[in-house]
N, C-alpha and C. Protein backbone atom coordinates (compact mmCIF):
# COMPACT_ATOMS: atom_id res chain seq x y z
N MET A 1 1.68 21.71 31.95
CA MET A 1 2.76 21.00 32.60
C MET A 1 2.60 19.51 32.32
N ALA A 2 3.73 18.85 32.16
CA ALA A 2 3.72 17.42 31.86
C ALA A 2 4.63 16.69 32.84
N THR A 3 4.33 15.45 33.06
CA THR A 3 5.18 14.59 33.88
C THR A 3 5.69 13.49 32.98
N VAL A 4 6.98 13.18 33.10
CA VAL A 4 7.59 12.16 32.26
C VAL A 4 8.26 11.13 33.15
N ARG A 5 8.04 9.88 32.84
CA ARG A 5 8.71 8.80 33.57
C ARG A 5 9.90 8.34 32.74
N LEU A 6 11.04 8.22 33.40
CA LEU A 6 12.26 7.83 32.71
C LEU A 6 12.82 6.55 33.31
N ASP A 7 13.39 5.73 32.45
CA ASP A 7 14.09 4.56 32.97
C ASP A 7 15.41 5.02 33.58
N VAL A 8 16.07 4.16 34.30
CA VAL A 8 17.28 4.51 35.03
C VAL A 8 18.37 5.04 34.10
N THR A 9 18.56 4.40 32.97
CA THR A 9 19.61 4.80 32.03
C THR A 9 19.34 6.19 31.45
N THR A 10 18.11 6.44 31.06
CA THR A 10 17.75 7.75 30.50
C THR A 10 17.87 8.84 31.55
N GLU A 11 17.47 8.54 32.78
CA GLU A 11 17.58 9.53 33.84
C GLU A 11 19.04 9.86 34.15
N ALA A 12 19.90 8.85 34.11
CA ALA A 12 21.33 9.10 34.33
C ALA A 12 21.89 9.98 33.22
N ALA A 13 21.48 9.71 31.97
CA ALA A 13 21.93 10.52 30.84
C ALA A 13 21.43 11.96 30.99
N LEU A 14 20.20 12.12 31.43
CA LEU A 14 19.64 13.45 31.64
C LEU A 14 20.43 14.19 32.73
N ASN A 15 20.75 13.51 33.80
CA ASN A 15 21.51 14.13 34.88
C ASN A 15 22.90 14.56 34.40
N GLN A 16 23.54 13.71 33.60
CA GLN A 16 24.87 14.05 33.07
C GLN A 16 24.79 15.25 32.14
N LEU A 17 23.81 15.25 31.25
CA LEU A 17 23.64 16.38 30.34
C LEU A 17 23.38 17.67 31.10
N SER A 18 22.54 17.58 32.10
CA SER A 18 22.20 18.74 32.91
C SER A 18 23.44 19.32 33.57
N ALA A 19 24.25 18.46 34.17
CA ALA A 19 25.47 18.92 34.84
C ALA A 19 26.47 19.48 33.84
N ARG A 20 26.65 18.80 32.74
CA ARG A 20 27.63 19.22 31.73
C ARG A 20 27.25 20.56 31.10
N ARG A 21 25.96 20.76 30.86
CA ARG A 21 25.50 21.98 30.20
C ARG A 21 25.20 23.11 31.17
N GLY A 22 25.20 22.80 32.47
CA GLY A 22 24.89 23.83 33.45
C GLY A 22 23.43 24.28 33.36
N GLN A 23 22.56 23.35 33.03
CA GLN A 23 21.14 23.64 32.89
C GLN A 23 20.36 22.74 33.84
N THR A 24 19.13 23.16 34.12
CA THR A 24 18.26 22.28 34.89
C THR A 24 17.83 21.12 34.00
N ARG A 25 17.33 20.08 34.63
CA ARG A 25 16.83 18.94 33.87
C ARG A 25 15.69 19.38 32.95
N SER A 26 14.85 20.26 33.44
CA SER A 26 13.72 20.75 32.62
C SER A 26 14.22 21.50 31.39
N GLU A 27 15.26 22.31 31.56
CA GLU A 27 15.81 23.06 30.41
C GLU A 27 16.37 22.11 29.36
N VAL A 28 17.05 21.06 29.80
CA VAL A 28 17.60 20.07 28.86
C VAL A 28 16.47 19.40 28.09
N ILE A 29 15.42 19.02 28.80
CA ILE A 29 14.28 18.37 28.14
C ILE A 29 13.60 19.32 27.16
N ARG A 30 13.40 20.58 27.57
CA ARG A 30 12.78 21.56 26.65
C ARG A 30 13.63 21.76 25.40
N ASP A 31 14.96 21.87 25.58
CA ASP A 31 15.85 22.03 24.43
C ASP A 31 15.75 20.84 23.48
N ALA A 32 15.71 19.63 24.06
CA ALA A 32 15.62 18.43 23.23
C ALA A 32 14.32 18.40 22.43
N ILE A 33 13.23 18.76 23.08
CA ILE A 33 11.93 18.77 22.39
C ILE A 33 11.92 19.82 21.29
N THR A 34 12.49 20.99 21.56
CA THR A 34 12.55 22.05 20.55
C THR A 34 13.36 21.59 19.35
N ARG A 35 14.49 20.94 19.60
CA ARG A 35 15.32 20.46 18.47
C ARG A 35 14.57 19.42 17.65
N LEU A 36 13.91 18.51 18.31
CA LEU A 36 13.14 17.50 17.58
C LEU A 36 12.02 18.14 16.77
N ALA A 37 11.37 19.12 17.34
CA ALA A 37 10.29 19.82 16.62
C ALA A 37 10.84 20.57 15.42
N ASP A 38 12.01 21.18 15.56
CA ASP A 38 12.63 21.92 14.45
C ASP A 38 12.99 20.99 13.30
N GLU A 39 13.31 19.75 13.61
CA GLU A 39 13.65 18.78 12.56
C GLU A 39 12.40 18.31 11.82
N GLY A 40 11.24 18.63 12.33
CA GLY A 40 10.00 18.24 11.68
C GLY A 40 9.74 16.76 11.75
N GLY A 41 10.33 16.09 12.72
CA GLY A 41 10.12 14.65 12.86
C GLY A 41 10.94 13.82 11.89
N GLN A 42 11.77 14.47 11.09
CA GLN A 42 12.59 13.75 10.12
C GLN A 42 13.95 13.44 10.73
N THR A 43 14.39 12.23 10.56
CA THR A 43 15.70 11.84 11.03
C THR A 43 16.73 12.19 9.96
N ARG A 44 17.73 12.93 10.37
CA ARG A 44 18.78 13.31 9.42
C ARG A 44 19.95 12.34 9.55
N SER A 45 20.60 12.07 8.45
CA SER A 45 21.76 11.19 8.47
C SER A 45 22.92 11.91 9.15
N ALA A 46 23.94 11.14 9.51
CA ALA A 46 25.13 11.73 10.12
C ALA A 46 25.75 12.74 9.17
N TYR A 47 25.75 12.42 7.88
CA TYR A 47 26.30 13.35 6.89
C TYR A 47 25.54 14.68 6.91
N GLU A 48 24.23 14.61 6.95
CA GLU A 48 23.43 15.84 6.96
C GLU A 48 23.67 16.67 8.21
N ARG A 49 23.84 15.99 9.36
CA ARG A 49 24.08 16.72 10.61
C ARG A 49 25.45 17.37 10.63
N LEU A 50 26.42 16.76 9.96
CA LEU A 50 27.79 17.29 9.97
C LEU A 50 28.08 18.19 8.78
N ARG A 51 27.15 18.33 7.88
CA ARG A 51 27.35 19.10 6.66
C ARG A 51 27.79 20.54 6.93
N ALA A 52 27.29 21.13 8.01
CA ALA A 52 27.66 22.51 8.35
C ALA A 52 29.15 22.66 8.65
N PHE A 53 29.81 21.56 8.94
CA PHE A 53 31.23 21.62 9.29
C PHE A 53 32.16 21.36 8.11
N GLU A 54 31.60 21.09 6.94
CA GLU A 54 32.41 20.85 5.75
C GLU A 54 33.27 22.06 5.43
N GLY A 55 34.53 21.82 5.16
CA GLY A 55 35.41 22.87 4.66
C GLY A 55 35.83 23.90 5.69
N ILE A 56 35.64 23.64 6.98
CA ILE A 56 36.03 24.64 7.97
C ILE A 56 37.46 24.46 8.47
N VAL A 57 38.10 23.37 8.07
CA VAL A 57 39.47 23.12 8.49
C VAL A 57 40.38 23.24 7.28
N ASP A 58 41.44 24.01 7.43
CA ASP A 58 42.41 24.17 6.35
C ASP A 58 43.58 23.24 6.62
N SER A 59 43.86 22.36 5.67
CA SER A 59 44.95 21.40 5.85
C SER A 59 46.29 21.97 5.41
N GLY A 60 46.31 23.23 5.04
CA GLY A 60 47.56 23.83 4.59
C GLY A 60 48.00 23.31 3.24
N GLY A 61 47.03 22.93 2.41
CA GLY A 61 47.35 22.45 1.07
C GLY A 61 47.72 20.98 1.01
N LEU A 62 47.54 20.23 2.08
CA LEU A 62 47.93 18.82 2.10
C LEU A 62 46.95 17.90 1.38
N GLN A 63 45.77 18.40 1.03
CA GLN A 63 44.75 17.62 0.33
C GLN A 63 44.49 16.29 1.04
N LEU A 64 44.16 16.40 2.31
CA LEU A 64 44.00 15.22 3.15
C LEU A 64 42.85 14.32 2.73
N SER A 65 41.91 14.84 1.97
CA SER A 65 40.76 14.02 1.61
C SER A 65 41.01 13.17 0.37
N THR A 66 42.15 13.32 -0.26
CA THR A 66 42.45 12.53 -1.45
C THR A 66 43.19 11.27 -1.06
N GLN A 67 42.88 10.20 -1.71
CA GLN A 67 43.52 8.90 -1.52
C GLN A 67 43.51 8.46 -0.06
N THR A 68 42.39 8.68 0.62
CA THR A 68 42.31 8.31 2.03
C THR A 68 42.43 6.80 2.23
N GLY A 69 41.86 6.03 1.32
CA GLY A 69 41.96 4.57 1.44
C GLY A 69 43.41 4.11 1.38
N LYS A 70 44.17 4.67 0.48
CA LYS A 70 45.58 4.32 0.34
C LYS A 70 46.34 4.71 1.60
N ARG A 71 46.09 5.90 2.09
CA ARG A 71 46.79 6.36 3.30
C ARG A 71 46.43 5.51 4.51
N PHE A 72 45.16 5.15 4.64
CA PHE A 72 44.74 4.32 5.75
C PHE A 72 45.42 2.96 5.69
N ARG A 73 45.49 2.37 4.50
CA ARG A 73 46.16 1.08 4.33
C ARG A 73 47.63 1.18 4.72
N GLU A 74 48.29 2.27 4.33
CA GLU A 74 49.69 2.46 4.68
C GLU A 74 49.89 2.54 6.20
N ILE A 75 48.99 3.23 6.87
CA ILE A 75 49.07 3.33 8.34
C ILE A 75 48.91 1.95 8.97
N LEU A 76 47.93 1.18 8.49
CA LEU A 76 47.72 -0.16 9.04
C LEU A 76 48.92 -1.06 8.77
N GLU A 77 49.51 -0.94 7.59
CA GLU A 77 50.68 -1.75 7.27
C GLU A 77 51.86 -1.41 8.17
N LYS A 78 52.06 -0.13 8.47
CA LYS A 78 53.14 0.28 9.37
C LYS A 78 52.93 -0.29 10.76
N LYS A 79 51.70 -0.23 11.24
CA LYS A 79 51.40 -0.79 12.56
C LYS A 79 51.63 -2.29 12.58
N ARG A 80 51.20 -2.97 11.52
CA ARG A 80 51.39 -4.41 11.43
C ARG A 80 52.87 -4.76 11.42
N ASP A 81 53.64 -4.03 10.62
CA ASP A 81 55.08 -4.30 10.51
C ASP A 81 55.80 -4.02 11.83
N ALA A 82 55.33 -3.02 12.57
CA ALA A 82 55.97 -2.70 13.84
C ALA A 82 55.73 -3.80 14.88
N ARG A 83 54.65 -4.54 14.75
CA ARG A 83 54.33 -5.61 15.71
C ARG A 83 55.04 -6.90 15.37
N ARG A 84 55.50 -7.04 14.17
CA ARG A 84 56.17 -8.29 13.76
C ARG A 84 57.56 -8.36 14.37
N PRO A 85 57.91 -9.53 14.86
CA PRO A 85 59.27 -9.68 15.39
C PRO A 85 60.29 -9.55 14.27
N GLY A 86 61.35 -8.83 14.58
CA GLY A 86 62.36 -8.54 13.57
C GLY A 86 63.35 -9.59 13.46
């Protein structure tokens, strides 16, 4: 058995996680330790963590991942133009 001291912010986060997941605080802590141990102490990038979700959404042939920079610029330009007095 171990005792852990937590700062106020970490304890609040633990309480929120516990309530949201319907688990005891101890279960949340054990799950977190297990996940860290499974990672082997290596920090994975956001890309690596999200890699399992690649290709799970079908855009219906819209090819949403192409020319994203151009599309983003067009969205920003529309917003800018809408704010300008006519």
